mmCIF file of all heavy atoms, coordinates in Angstrom:
data_MODEL
# 
_entry.id   MODEL 
# 
loop_
_atom_site.group_PDB 
_atom_site.id 
_atom_site.type_symbol 
_atom_site.label_atom_id 
_atom_site.label_alt_id 
_atom_site.label_comp_id 
_atom_site.label_asym_id 
_atom_site.label_entity_id 
_atom_site.label_seq_id 
_atom_site.pdbx_PDB_ins_code 
_atom_site.Cartn_x 
_atom_site.Cartn_y 
_atom_site.Cartn_z 
_atom_site.occupancy 
_atom_site.B_iso_or_equiv 
_atom_site.pdbx_formal_charge 
_atom_site.auth_seq_id 
_atom_site.auth_comp_id 
_atom_site.auth_asym_id 
_atom_site.auth_atom_id 
_atom_site.pdbx_PDB_model_num 
ATOM 1   N N   . ALA A 1 1  ? 90.453  90.076  106.385 1.00 0.00 ? 1  ALA A N   1 
ATOM 2   C CA  . ALA A 1 1  ? 89.500  90.380  105.312 1.00 0.00 ? 1  ALA A CA  1 
ATOM 3   C C   . ALA A 1 1  ? 89.187  91.871  105.232 1.00 0.00 ? 1  ALA A C   1 
ATOM 4   O O   . ALA A 1 1  ? 88.818  92.382  104.169 1.00 0.00 ? 1  ALA A O   1 
ATOM 5   C CB  . ALA A 1 1  ? 88.217  89.588  105.522 1.00 0.00 ? 1  ALA A CB  1 
ATOM 6   N N   . SER A 1 2  ? 89.338  92.588  106.340 1.00 0.00 ? 2  SER A N   1 
ATOM 7   C CA  . SER A 1 2  ? 89.002  94.017  106.352 1.00 0.00 ? 2  SER A CA  1 
ATOM 8   C C   . SER A 1 2  ? 90.104  94.884  105.751 1.00 0.00 ? 2  SER A C   1 
ATOM 9   O O   . SER A 1 2  ? 89.884  96.071  105.487 1.00 0.00 ? 2  SER A O   1 
ATOM 10  C CB  . SER A 1 2  ? 88.753  94.478  107.791 1.00 0.00 ? 2  SER A CB  1 
ATOM 11  O OG  . SER A 1 2  ? 89.945  94.385  108.567 1.00 0.00 ? 2  SER A OG  1 
ATOM 12  N N   . TYR A 1 3  ? 91.284  94.314  105.528 1.00 0.00 ? 3  TYR A N   1 
ATOM 13  C CA  . TYR A 1 3  ? 92.424  95.132  105.112 1.00 0.00 ? 3  TYR A CA  1 
ATOM 14  C C   . TYR A 1 3  ? 92.147  95.872  103.803 1.00 0.00 ? 3  TYR A C   1 
ATOM 15  O O   . TYR A 1 3  ? 92.333  97.086  103.717 1.00 0.00 ? 3  TYR A O   1 
ATOM 16  C CB  . TYR A 1 3  ? 93.678  94.266  104.984 1.00 0.00 ? 3  TYR A CB  1 
ATOM 17  C CG  . TYR A 1 3  ? 94.871  95.007  104.419 1.00 0.00 ? 3  TYR A CG  1 
ATOM 18  C CD1 . TYR A 1 3  ? 95.496  96.003  105.168 1.00 0.00 ? 3  TYR A CD1 1 
ATOM 19  C CD2 . TYR A 1 3  ? 95.351  94.731  103.147 1.00 0.00 ? 3  TYR A CD2 1 
ATOM 20  C CE1 . TYR A 1 3  ? 96.580  96.695  104.663 1.00 0.00 ? 3  TYR A CE1 1 
ATOM 21  C CE2 . TYR A 1 3  ? 96.438  95.428  102.630 1.00 0.00 ? 3  TYR A CE2 1 
ATOM 22  C CZ  . TYR A 1 3  ? 97.054  96.408  103.396 1.00 0.00 ? 3  TYR A CZ  1 
ATOM 23  O OH  . TYR A 1 3  ? 98.113  97.093  102.878 1.00 0.00 ? 3  TYR A OH  1 
ATOM 24  N N   . ARG A 1 4  ? 91.696  95.166  102.793 1.00 0.00 ? 4  ARG A N   1 
ATOM 25  C CA  . ARG A 1 4  ? 91.482  95.813  101.497 1.00 0.00 ? 4  ARG A CA  1 
ATOM 26  C C   . ARG A 1 4  ? 90.332  96.820  101.545 1.00 0.00 ? 4  ARG A C   1 
ATOM 27  O O   . ARG A 1 4  ? 90.342  97.815  100.812 1.00 0.00 ? 4  ARG A O   1 
ATOM 28  C CB  . ARG A 1 4  ? 91.240  94.767  100.407 1.00 0.00 ? 4  ARG A CB  1 
ATOM 29  C CG  . ARG A 1 4  ? 92.467  93.938  100.076 1.00 0.00 ? 4  ARG A CG  1 
ATOM 30  C CD  . ARG A 1 4  ? 92.304  93.210  98.757  1.00 0.00 ? 4  ARG A CD  1 
ATOM 31  N NE  . ARG A 1 4  ? 92.125  94.115  97.642  1.00 0.00 ? 4  ARG A NE  1 
ATOM 32  C CZ  . ARG A 1 4  ? 93.110  94.782  97.032  1.00 0.00 ? 4  ARG A CZ  1 
ATOM 33  N NH1 . ARG A 1 4  ? 94.355  94.640  97.446  1.00 0.00 ? 4  ARG A NH1 1 
ATOM 34  N NH2 . ARG A 1 4  ? 92.849  95.576  96.011  1.00 0.00 ? 4  ARG A NH2 1 
ATOM 35  N N   . ARG A 1 5  ? 89.362  96.573  102.412 1.00 0.00 ? 5  ARG A N   1 
ATOM 36  C CA  . ARG A 1 5  ? 88.237  97.513  102.522 1.00 0.00 ? 5  ARG A CA  1 
ATOM 37  C C   . ARG A 1 5  ? 88.671  98.826  103.160 1.00 0.00 ? 5  ARG A C   1 
ATOM 38  O O   . ARG A 1 5  ? 88.021  99.860  102.956 1.00 0.00 ? 5  ARG A O   1 
ATOM 39  C CB  . ARG A 1 5  ? 87.102  96.897  103.347 1.00 0.00 ? 5  ARG A CB  1 
ATOM 40  C CG  . ARG A 1 5  ? 86.453  95.676  102.729 1.00 0.00 ? 5  ARG A CG  1 
ATOM 41  C CD  . ARG A 1 5  ? 85.127  95.385  103.393 1.00 0.00 ? 5  ARG A CD  1 
ATOM 42  N NE  . ARG A 1 5  ? 85.226  95.212  104.825 1.00 0.00 ? 5  ARG A NE  1 
ATOM 43  C CZ  . ARG A 1 5  ? 85.406  94.036  105.436 1.00 0.00 ? 5  ARG A CZ  1 
ATOM 44  N NH1 . ARG A 1 5  ? 85.506  92.939  104.700 1.00 0.00 ? 5  ARG A NH1 1 
ATOM 45  N NH2 . ARG A 1 5  ? 85.481  93.949  106.745 1.00 0.00 ? 5  ARG A NH2 1 
ATOM 46  N N   . GLU A 1 6  ? 89.741  98.794  103.964 1.00 0.00 ? 6  GLU A N   1 
ATOM 47  C CA  . GLU A 1 6  ? 90.136  99.971  104.732 1.00 0.00 ? 6  GLU A CA  1 
ATOM 48  C C   . GLU A 1 6  ? 91.494  100.529 104.320 1.00 0.00 ? 6  GLU A C   1 
ATOM 49  O O   . GLU A 1 6  ? 92.104  101.300 105.058 1.00 0.00 ? 6  GLU A O   1 
ATOM 50  C CB  . GLU A 1 6  ? 90.138  99.614  106.222 1.00 0.00 ? 6  GLU A CB  1 
ATOM 51  C CG  . GLU A 1 6  ? 88.786  99.184  106.739 1.00 0.00 ? 6  GLU A CG  1 
ATOM 52  C CD  . GLU A 1 6  ? 88.768  98.899  108.239 1.00 0.00 ? 6  GLU A CD  1 
ATOM 53  O OE1 . GLU A 1 6  ? 89.822  98.489  108.770 1.00 0.00 ? 6  GLU A OE1 1 
ATOM 54  O OE2 . GLU A 1 6  ? 87.719  99.100  108.850 1.00 0.00 ? 6  GLU A OE2 1 
ATOM 55  N N   . MET A 1 7  ? 91.950  100.154 103.124 1.00 0.00 ? 7  MET A N   1 
ATOM 56  C CA  . MET A 1 7  ? 93.276  100.588 102.685 1.00 0.00 ? 7  MET A CA  1 
ATOM 57  C C   . MET A 1 7  ? 93.414  102.104 102.591 1.00 0.00 ? 7  MET A C   1 
ATOM 58  O O   . MET A 1 7  ? 94.510  102.631 102.721 1.00 0.00 ? 7  MET A O   1 
ATOM 59  C CB  . MET A 1 7  ? 93.608  99.974  101.319 1.00 0.00 ? 7  MET A CB  1 
ATOM 60  C CG  . MET A 1 7  ? 93.913  98.507  101.334 1.00 0.00 ? 7  MET A CG  1 
ATOM 61  S SD  . MET A 1 7  ? 94.589  97.947  99.752  1.00 0.00 ? 7  MET A SD  1 
ATOM 62  C CE  . MET A 1 7  ? 93.287  98.423  98.613  1.00 0.00 ? 7  MET A CE  1 
ATOM 63  N N   . PHE A 1 8  ? 92.310  102.794 102.340 1.00 0.00 ? 8  PHE A N   1 
ATOM 64  C CA  . PHE A 1 8  ? 92.365  104.235 102.107 1.00 0.00 ? 8  PHE A CA  1 
ATOM 65  C C   . PHE A 1 8  ? 92.391  105.038 103.397 1.00 0.00 ? 8  PHE A C   1 
ATOM 66  O O   . PHE A 1 8  ? 92.593  106.254 103.371 1.00 0.00 ? 8  PHE A O   1 
ATOM 67  C CB  . PHE A 1 8  ? 91.150  104.676 101.280 1.00 0.00 ? 8  PHE A CB  1 
ATOM 68  C CG  . PHE A 1 8  ? 89.833  104.439 101.970 1.00 0.00 ? 8  PHE A CG  1 
ATOM 69  C CD1 . PHE A 1 8  ? 89.248  105.432 102.729 1.00 0.00 ? 8  PHE A CD1 1 
ATOM 70  C CD2 . PHE A 1 8  ? 89.194  103.212 101.867 1.00 0.00 ? 8  PHE A CD2 1 
ATOM 71  C CE1 . PHE A 1 8  ? 88.041  105.221 103.375 1.00 0.00 ? 8  PHE A CE1 1 
ATOM 72  C CE2 . PHE A 1 8  ? 87.984  102.989 102.511 1.00 0.00 ? 8  PHE A CE2 1 
ATOM 73  C CZ  . PHE A 1 8  ? 87.410  103.995 103.269 1.00 0.00 ? 8  PHE A CZ  1 
ATOM 74  N N   . LYS A 1 9  ? 92.225  104.394 104.554 1.00 0.00 ? 9  LYS A N   1 
ATOM 75  C CA  . LYS A 1 9  ? 92.129  105.120 105.818 1.00 0.00 ? 9  LYS A CA  1 
ATOM 76  C C   . LYS A 1 9  ? 93.501  105.323 106.457 1.00 0.00 ? 9  LYS A C   1 
ATOM 77  O O   . LYS A 1 9  ? 94.337  104.434 106.438 1.00 0.00 ? 9  LYS A O   1 
ATOM 78  C CB  . LYS A 1 9  ? 91.253  104.341 106.808 1.00 0.00 ? 9  LYS A CB  1 
ATOM 79  C CG  . LYS A 1 9  ? 89.808  104.177 106.395 1.00 0.00 ? 9  LYS A CG  1 
ATOM 80  C CD  . LYS A 1 9  ? 89.049  103.389 107.457 1.00 0.00 ? 9  LYS A CD  1 
ATOM 81  C CE  . LYS A 1 9  ? 87.592  103.177 107.068 1.00 0.00 ? 9  LYS A CE  1 
ATOM 82  N NZ  . LYS A 1 9  ? 86.866  102.376 108.092 1.00 0.00 ? 9  LYS A NZ  1 
ATOM 83  N N   . PRO A 1 10 ? 93.737  106.505 107.049 1.00 0.00 ? 10 PRO A N   1 
ATOM 84  C CA  . PRO A 1 10 ? 94.974  106.690 107.818 1.00 0.00 ? 10 PRO A CA  1 
ATOM 85  C C   . PRO A 1 10 ? 94.876  105.951 109.152 1.00 0.00 ? 10 PRO A C   1 
ATOM 86  O O   . PRO A 1 10 ? 93.819  105.948 109.792 1.00 0.00 ? 10 PRO A O   1 
ATOM 87  C CB  . PRO A 1 10 ? 95.032  108.208 108.026 1.00 0.00 ? 10 PRO A CB  1 
ATOM 88  C CG  . PRO A 1 10 ? 93.609  108.666 107.932 1.00 0.00 ? 10 PRO A CG  1 
ATOM 89  C CD  . PRO A 1 10 ? 92.926  107.740 106.972 1.00 0.00 ? 10 PRO A CD  1 
ATOM 90  N N   . PHE A 1 11 ? 95.960  105.306 109.553 1.00 0.00 ? 11 PHE A N   1 
ATOM 91  C CA  . PHE A 1 11 ? 95.997  104.584 110.812 1.00 0.00 ? 11 PHE A CA  1 
ATOM 92  C C   . PHE A 1 11 ? 97.232  105.007 111.601 1.00 0.00 ? 11 PHE A C   1 
ATOM 93  O O   . PHE A 1 11 ? 98.335  104.522 111.334 1.00 0.00 ? 11 PHE A O   1 
ATOM 94  C CB  . PHE A 1 11 ? 96.046  103.065 110.575 1.00 0.00 ? 11 PHE A CB  1 
ATOM 95  C CG  . PHE A 1 11 ? 94.706  102.417 110.399 1.00 0.00 ? 11 PHE A CG  1 
ATOM 96  C CD1 . PHE A 1 11 ? 94.080  102.417 109.161 1.00 0.00 ? 11 PHE A CD1 1 
ATOM 97  C CD2 . PHE A 1 11 ? 94.054  101.806 111.462 1.00 0.00 ? 11 PHE A CD2 1 
ATOM 98  C CE1 . PHE A 1 11 ? 92.842  101.827 108.980 1.00 0.00 ? 11 PHE A CE1 1 
ATOM 99  C CE2 . PHE A 1 11 ? 92.816  101.204 111.302 1.00 0.00 ? 11 PHE A CE2 1 
ATOM 100 C CZ  . PHE A 1 11 ? 92.201  101.213 110.058 1.00 0.00 ? 11 PHE A CZ  1 
ATOM 101 N N   . PRO A 1 12 ? 97.078  105.920 112.574 1.00 0.00 ? 12 PRO A N   1 
ATOM 102 C CA  . PRO A 1 12 ? 98.203  106.225 113.465 1.00 0.00 ? 12 PRO A CA  1 
ATOM 103 C C   . PRO A 1 12 ? 98.663  104.938 114.166 1.00 0.00 ? 12 PRO A C   1 
ATOM 104 O O   . PRO A 1 12 ? 97.898  103.977 114.282 1.00 0.00 ? 12 PRO A O   1 
ATOM 105 C CB  . PRO A 1 12 ? 97.603  107.221 114.455 1.00 0.00 ? 12 PRO A CB  1 
ATOM 106 C CG  . PRO A 1 12 ? 96.400  107.784 113.755 1.00 0.00 ? 12 PRO A CG  1 
ATOM 107 C CD  . PRO A 1 12 ? 95.878  106.688 112.899 1.00 0.00 ? 12 PRO A CD  1 
ATOM 108 N N   . MET A 1 13 ? 99.894  104.913 114.634 1.00 0.00 ? 13 MET A N   1 
ATOM 109 C CA  . MET A 1 13 ? 100.478 103.692 115.180 1.00 0.00 ? 13 MET A CA  1 
ATOM 110 C C   . MET A 1 13 ? 99.602  102.988 116.221 1.00 0.00 ? 13 MET A C   1 
ATOM 111 O O   . MET A 1 13 ? 99.396  101.764 116.124 1.00 0.00 ? 13 MET A O   1 
ATOM 112 C CB  . MET A 1 13 ? 101.862 103.986 115.760 1.00 0.00 ? 13 MET A CB  1 
ATOM 113 C CG  . MET A 1 13 ? 102.575 102.762 116.314 1.00 0.00 ? 13 MET A CG  1 
ATOM 114 S SD  . MET A 1 13 ? 102.878 101.465 115.081 1.00 0.00 ? 13 MET A SD  1 
ATOM 115 C CE  . MET A 1 13 ? 104.232 102.177 114.156 1.00 0.00 ? 13 MET A CE  1 
ATOM 116 N N   . PRO A 1 14 ? 99.047  103.679 117.231 1.00 0.00 ? 14 PRO A N   1 
ATOM 117 C CA  . PRO A 1 14 ? 98.217  102.962 118.201 1.00 0.00 ? 14 PRO A CA  1 
ATOM 118 C C   . PRO A 1 14 ? 97.021  102.258 117.559 1.00 0.00 ? 14 PRO A C   1 
ATOM 119 O O   . PRO A 1 14 ? 96.676  101.137 117.942 1.00 0.00 ? 14 PRO A O   1 
ATOM 120 C CB  . PRO A 1 14 ? 97.755  104.063 119.169 1.00 0.00 ? 14 PRO A CB  1 
ATOM 121 C CG  . PRO A 1 14 ? 98.781  105.131 119.041 1.00 0.00 ? 14 PRO A CG  1 
ATOM 122 C CD  . PRO A 1 14 ? 99.202  105.096 117.601 1.00 0.00 ? 14 PRO A CD  1 
ATOM 123 N N   . GLU A 1 15 ? 96.407  102.909 116.577 1.00 0.00 ? 15 GLU A N   1 
ATOM 124 C CA  . GLU A 1 15 ? 95.258  102.303 115.903 1.00 0.00 ? 15 GLU A CA  1 
ATOM 125 C C   . GLU A 1 15 ? 95.691  101.155 114.986 1.00 0.00 ? 15 GLU A C   1 
ATOM 126 O O   . GLU A 1 15 ? 94.989  100.156 114.841 1.00 0.00 ? 15 GLU A O   1 
ATOM 127 C CB  . GLU A 1 15 ? 94.504  103.355 115.090 1.00 0.00 ? 15 GLU A CB  1 
ATOM 128 C CG  . GLU A 1 15 ? 93.848  104.430 115.947 1.00 0.00 ? 15 GLU A CG  1 
ATOM 129 C CD  . GLU A 1 15 ? 93.129  105.470 115.101 1.00 0.00 ? 15 GLU A CD  1 
ATOM 130 O OE1 . GLU A 1 15 ? 92.725  105.141 113.967 1.00 0.00 ? 15 GLU A OE1 1 
ATOM 131 O OE2 . GLU A 1 15 ? 92.996  106.615 115.566 1.00 0.00 ? 15 GLU A OE2 1 
ATOM 132 N N   . LEU A 1 16 ? 96.871  101.311 114.368 1.00 0.00 ? 16 LEU A N   1 
ATOM 133 C CA  . LEU A 1 16 ? 97.382  100.252 113.509 1.00 0.00 ? 16 LEU A CA  1 
ATOM 134 C C   . LEU A 1 16 ? 97.658  98.987  114.320 1.00 0.00 ? 16 LEU A C   1 
ATOM 135 O O   . LEU A 1 16 ? 97.249  97.881  113.943 1.00 0.00 ? 16 LEU A O   1 
ATOM 136 C CB  . LEU A 1 16 ? 98.656  100.728 112.801 1.00 0.00 ? 16 LEU A CB  1 
ATOM 137 C CG  . LEU A 1 16 ? 99.268  99.792  111.760 1.00 0.00 ? 16 LEU A CG  1 
ATOM 138 C CD1 . LEU A 1 16 ? 98.262  99.467  110.660 1.00 0.00 ? 16 LEU A CD1 1 
ATOM 139 C CD2 . LEU A 1 16 ? 100.530 100.417 111.171 1.00 0.00 ? 16 LEU A CD2 1 
ATOM 140 N N   . ILE A 1 17 ? 98.315  99.145  115.454 1.00 0.00 ? 17 ILE A N   1 
ATOM 141 C CA  . ILE A 1 17 ? 98.578  98.003  116.326 1.00 0.00 ? 17 ILE A CA  1 
ATOM 142 C C   . ILE A 1 17 ? 97.274  97.462  116.896 1.00 0.00 ? 17 ILE A C   1 
ATOM 143 O O   . ILE A 1 17 ? 97.124  96.251  117.102 1.00 0.00 ? 17 ILE A O   1 
ATOM 144 C CB  . ILE A 1 17 ? 99.552  98.399  117.457 1.00 0.00 ? 17 ILE A CB  1 
ATOM 145 C CG1 . ILE A 1 17 ? 100.929 98.726  116.858 1.00 0.00 ? 17 ILE A CG1 1 
ATOM 146 C CG2 . ILE A 1 17 ? 99.681  97.284  118.495 1.00 0.00 ? 17 ILE A CG2 1 
ATOM 147 C CD1 . ILE A 1 17 ? 101.954 99.212  117.858 1.00 0.00 ? 17 ILE A CD1 1 
ATOM 148 N N   . GLY A 1 18 ? 96.300  98.355  117.108 1.00 0.00 ? 18 GLY A N   1 
ATOM 149 C CA  . GLY A 1 18 ? 95.006  97.928  117.622 1.00 0.00 ? 18 GLY A CA  1 
ATOM 150 C C   . GLY A 1 18 ? 94.275  96.960  116.710 1.00 0.00 ? 18 GLY A C   1 
ATOM 151 O O   . GLY A 1 18 ? 93.375  96.235  117.153 1.00 0.00 ? 18 GLY A O   1 
ATOM 152 N N   . ARG A 1 19 ? 94.666  96.901  115.440 1.00 0.00 ? 19 ARG A N   1 
ATOM 153 C CA  . ARG A 1 19 ? 94.005  95.998  114.493 1.00 0.00 ? 19 ARG A CA  1 
ATOM 154 C C   . ARG A 1 19 ? 94.338  94.539  114.785 1.00 0.00 ? 19 ARG A C   1 
ATOM 155 O O   . ARG A 1 19 ? 93.623  93.642  114.337 1.00 0.00 ? 19 ARG A O   1 
ATOM 156 C CB  . ARG A 1 19 ? 94.406  96.352  113.059 1.00 0.00 ? 19 ARG A CB  1 
ATOM 157 C CG  . ARG A 1 19 ? 94.018  97.754  112.663 1.00 0.00 ? 19 ARG A CG  1 
ATOM 158 C CD  . ARG A 1 19 ? 94.490  98.122  111.270 1.00 0.00 ? 19 ARG A CD  1 
ATOM 159 N NE  . ARG A 1 19 ? 93.711  97.449  110.243 1.00 0.00 ? 19 ARG A NE  1 
ATOM 160 C CZ  . ARG A 1 19 ? 93.796  97.728  108.951 1.00 0.00 ? 19 ARG A CZ  1 
ATOM 161 N NH1 . ARG A 1 19 ? 94.631  98.677  108.545 1.00 0.00 ? 19 ARG A NH1 1 
ATOM 162 N NH2 . ARG A 1 19 ? 93.064  97.084  108.067 1.00 0.00 ? 19 ARG A NH2 1 
ATOM 163 N N   . PHE A 1 20 ? 95.442  94.285  115.506 1.00 0.00 ? 20 PHE A N   1 
ATOM 164 C CA  . PHE A 1 20 ? 95.809  92.890  115.756 1.00 0.00 ? 20 PHE A CA  1 
ATOM 165 C C   . PHE A 1 20 ? 96.197  92.602  117.204 1.00 0.00 ? 20 PHE A C   1 
ATOM 166 O O   . PHE A 1 20 ? 96.436  91.457  117.555 1.00 0.00 ? 20 PHE A O   1 
ATOM 167 C CB  . PHE A 1 20 ? 96.965  92.476  114.832 1.00 0.00 ? 20 PHE A CB  1 
ATOM 168 C CG  . PHE A 1 20 ? 98.189  93.360  114.914 1.00 0.00 ? 20 PHE A CG  1 
ATOM 169 C CD1 . PHE A 1 20 ? 99.155  93.177  115.884 1.00 0.00 ? 20 PHE A CD1 1 
ATOM 170 C CD2 . PHE A 1 20 ? 98.384  94.383  113.980 1.00 0.00 ? 20 PHE A CD2 1 
ATOM 171 C CE1 . PHE A 1 20 ? 100.281 93.987  115.951 1.00 0.00 ? 20 PHE A CE1 1 
ATOM 172 C CE2 . PHE A 1 20 ? 99.511  95.198  114.021 1.00 0.00 ? 20 PHE A CE2 1 
ATOM 173 C CZ  . PHE A 1 20 ? 100.465 94.997  115.022 1.00 0.00 ? 20 PHE A CZ  1 
ATOM 174 N N   . ARG A 1 21 ? 96.231  93.596  118.092 1.00 0.00 ? 21 ARG A N   1 
ATOM 175 C CA  . ARG A 1 21 ? 96.725  93.393  119.449 1.00 0.00 ? 21 ARG A CA  1 
ATOM 176 C C   . ARG A 1 21 ? 95.847  92.452  120.283 1.00 0.00 ? 21 ARG A C   1 
ATOM 177 O O   . ARG A 1 21 ? 96.339  91.779  121.183 1.00 0.00 ? 21 ARG A O   1 
ATOM 178 C CB  . ARG A 1 21 ? 96.914  94.716  120.185 1.00 0.00 ? 21 ARG A CB  1 
ATOM 179 C CG  . ARG A 1 21 ? 95.652  95.492  120.458 1.00 0.00 ? 21 ARG A CG  1 
ATOM 180 C CD  . ARG A 1 21 ? 95.948  96.734  121.315 1.00 0.00 ? 21 ARG A CD  1 
ATOM 181 N NE  . ARG A 1 21 ? 96.330  96.344  122.664 1.00 0.00 ? 21 ARG A NE  1 
ATOM 182 C CZ  . ARG A 1 21 ? 97.382  96.821  123.310 1.00 0.00 ? 21 ARG A CZ  1 
ATOM 183 N NH1 . ARG A 1 21 ? 98.153  97.720  122.736 1.00 0.00 ? 21 ARG A NH1 1 
ATOM 184 N NH2 . ARG A 1 21 ? 97.652  96.420  124.528 1.00 0.00 ? 21 ARG A NH2 1 
ATOM 185 N N   . SER A 1 22 ? 94.560  92.394  119.993 1.00 0.00 ? 22 SER A N   1 
ATOM 186 C CA  . SER A 1 22 ? 93.673  91.546  120.793 1.00 0.00 ? 22 SER A CA  1 
ATOM 187 C C   . SER A 1 22 ? 93.514  90.136  120.212 1.00 0.00 ? 22 SER A C   1 
ATOM 188 O O   . SER A 1 22 ? 92.837  89.290  120.799 1.00 0.00 ? 22 SER A O   1 
ATOM 189 C CB  . SER A 1 22 ? 92.296  92.195  120.919 1.00 0.00 ? 22 SER A CB  1 
ATOM 190 O OG  . SER A 1 22 ? 91.695  92.344  119.640 1.00 0.00 ? 22 SER A OG  1 
ATOM 191 N N   . LYS A 1 23 ? 94.152  89.866  119.075 1.00 0.00 ? 23 LYS A N   1 
ATOM 192 C CA  . LYS A 1 23 ? 94.020  88.552  118.446 1.00 0.00 ? 23 LYS A CA  1 
ATOM 193 C C   . LYS A 1 23 ? 94.978  87.552  119.095 1.00 0.00 ? 23 LYS A C   1 
ATOM 194 O O   . LYS A 1 23 ? 96.110  87.914  119.438 1.00 0.00 ? 23 LYS A O   1 
ATOM 195 C CB  . LYS A 1 23 ? 94.276  88.640  116.946 1.00 0.00 ? 23 LYS A CB  1 
ATOM 196 C CG  . LYS A 1 23 ? 93.236  89.470  116.212 1.00 0.00 ? 23 LYS A CG  1 
ATOM 197 C CD  . LYS A 1 23 ? 93.430  89.409  114.709 1.00 0.00 ? 23 LYS A CD  1 
ATOM 198 C CE  . LYS A 1 23 ? 92.314  90.166  113.988 1.00 0.00 ? 23 LYS A CE  1 
ATOM 199 N NZ  . LYS A 1 23 ? 92.448  90.086  112.516 1.00 0.00 ? 23 LYS A NZ  1 
ATOM 200 N N   . PRO A 1 24 ? 94.550  86.311  119.244 1.00 0.00 ? 24 PRO A N   1 
ATOM 201 C CA  . PRO A 1 24 ? 95.441  85.306  119.845 1.00 0.00 ? 24 PRO A CA  1 
ATOM 202 C C   . PRO A 1 24 ? 96.632  85.013  118.938 1.00 0.00 ? 24 PRO A C   1 
ATOM 203 O O   . PRO A 1 24 ? 96.536  85.139  117.708 1.00 0.00 ? 24 PRO A O   1 
ATOM 204 C CB  . PRO A 1 24 ? 94.543  84.074  119.988 1.00 0.00 ? 24 PRO A CB  1 
ATOM 205 C CG  . PRO A 1 24 ? 93.460  84.263  118.977 1.00 0.00 ? 24 PRO A CG  1 
ATOM 206 C CD  . PRO A 1 24 ? 93.233  85.742  118.876 1.00 0.00 ? 24 PRO A CD  1 
ATOM 207 N N   . LEU A 1 25 ? 97.746  84.637  119.549 1.00 0.00 ? 25 LEU A N   1 
ATOM 208 C CA  . LEU A 1 25 ? 98.920  84.247  118.767 1.00 0.00 ? 25 LEU A CA  1 
ATOM 209 C C   . LEU A 1 25 ? 98.611  82.996  117.962 1.00 0.00 ? 25 LEU A C   1 
ATOM 210 O O   . LEU A 1 25 ? 97.852  82.132  118.393 1.00 0.00 ? 25 LEU A O   1 
ATOM 211 C CB  . LEU A 1 25 ? 100.116 83.995  119.684 1.00 0.00 ? 25 LEU A CB  1 
ATOM 212 C CG  . LEU A 1 25 ? 100.628 85.183  120.503 1.00 0.00 ? 25 LEU A CG  1 
ATOM 213 C CD1 . LEU A 1 25 ? 101.849 84.767  121.315 1.00 0.00 ? 25 LEU A CD1 1 
ATOM 214 C CD2 . LEU A 1 25 ? 100.958 86.368  119.614 1.00 0.00 ? 25 LEU A CD2 1 
ATOM 215 N N   . GLU A 1 26 ? 99.209  82.886  116.791 1.00 0.00 ? 26 GLU A N   1 
ATOM 216 C CA  . GLU A 1 26 ? 98.961  81.744  115.923 1.00 0.00 ? 26 GLU A CA  1 
ATOM 217 C C   . GLU A 1 26 ? 99.815  80.541  116.306 1.00 0.00 ? 26 GLU A C   1 
ATOM 218 O O   . GLU A 1 26 ? 99.528  79.420  115.894 1.00 0.00 ? 26 GLU A O   1 
ATOM 219 C CB  . GLU A 1 26 ? 99.215  82.145  114.467 1.00 0.00 ? 26 GLU A CB  1 
ATOM 220 C CG  . GLU A 1 26 ? 98.246  83.221  114.012 1.00 0.00 ? 26 GLU A CG  1 
ATOM 221 C CD  . GLU A 1 26 ? 98.404  83.592  112.553 1.00 0.00 ? 26 GLU A CD  1 
ATOM 222 O OE1 . GLU A 1 26 ? 99.547  83.839  112.132 1.00 0.00 ? 26 GLU A OE1 1 
ATOM 223 O OE2 . GLU A 1 26 ? 97.379  83.641  111.842 1.00 0.00 ? 26 GLU A OE2 1 
ATOM 224 N N   . PHE A 1 27 ? 100.859 80.773  117.091 1.00 0.00 ? 27 PHE A N   1 
ATOM 225 C CA  . PHE A 1 27 ? 101.684 79.683  117.622 1.00 0.00 ? 27 PHE A CA  1 
ATOM 226 C C   . PHE A 1 27 ? 102.580 80.260  118.713 1.00 0.00 ? 27 PHE A C   1 
ATOM 227 O O   . PHE A 1 27 ? 102.700 81.480  118.863 1.00 0.00 ? 27 PHE A O   1 
ATOM 228 C CB  . PHE A 1 27 ? 102.526 79.014  116.524 1.00 0.00 ? 27 PHE A CB  1 
ATOM 229 C CG  . PHE A 1 27 ? 103.314 79.972  115.664 1.00 0.00 ? 27 PHE A CG  1 
ATOM 230 C CD1 . PHE A 1 27 ? 104.541 80.485  116.070 1.00 0.00 ? 27 PHE A CD1 1 
ATOM 231 C CD2 . PHE A 1 27 ? 102.808 80.374  114.430 1.00 0.00 ? 27 PHE A CD2 1 
ATOM 232 C CE1 . PHE A 1 27 ? 105.266 81.360  115.275 1.00 0.00 ? 27 PHE A CE1 1 
ATOM 233 C CE2 . PHE A 1 27 ? 103.525 81.255  113.617 1.00 0.00 ? 27 PHE A CE2 1 
ATOM 234 C CZ  . PHE A 1 27 ? 104.752 81.750  114.058 1.00 0.00 ? 27 PHE A CZ  1 
ATOM 235 N N   . GLU A 1 28 ? 103.196 79.390  119.483 1.00 0.00 ? 28 GLU A N   1 
ATOM 236 C CA  . GLU A 1 28 ? 104.099 79.811  120.545 1.00 0.00 ? 28 GLU A CA  1 
ATOM 237 C C   . GLU A 1 28 ? 105.329 80.475  119.933 1.00 0.00 ? 28 GLU A C   1 
ATOM 238 O O   . GLU A 1 28 ? 105.915 79.952  118.977 1.00 0.00 ? 28 GLU A O   1 
ATOM 239 C CB  . GLU A 1 28 ? 104.516 78.600  121.374 1.00 0.00 ? 28 GLU A CB  1 
ATOM 240 C CG  . GLU A 1 28 ? 105.427 78.935  122.542 1.00 0.00 ? 28 GLU A CG  1 
ATOM 241 C CD  . GLU A 1 28 ? 105.842 77.700  123.316 1.00 0.00 ? 28 GLU A CD  1 
ATOM 242 O OE1 . GLU A 1 28 ? 105.192 76.651  123.142 1.00 0.00 ? 28 GLU A OE1 1 
ATOM 243 O OE2 . GLU A 1 28 ? 106.819 77.791  124.079 1.00 0.00 ? 28 GLU A OE2 1 
# 
């Protein structure tokens, strides 16, 4: 849900991956 709110922000690779690295996998 936050993606469209933050589309204008620059995200270096570590920060970009940080947006989903702590989320659980959706399946094996």
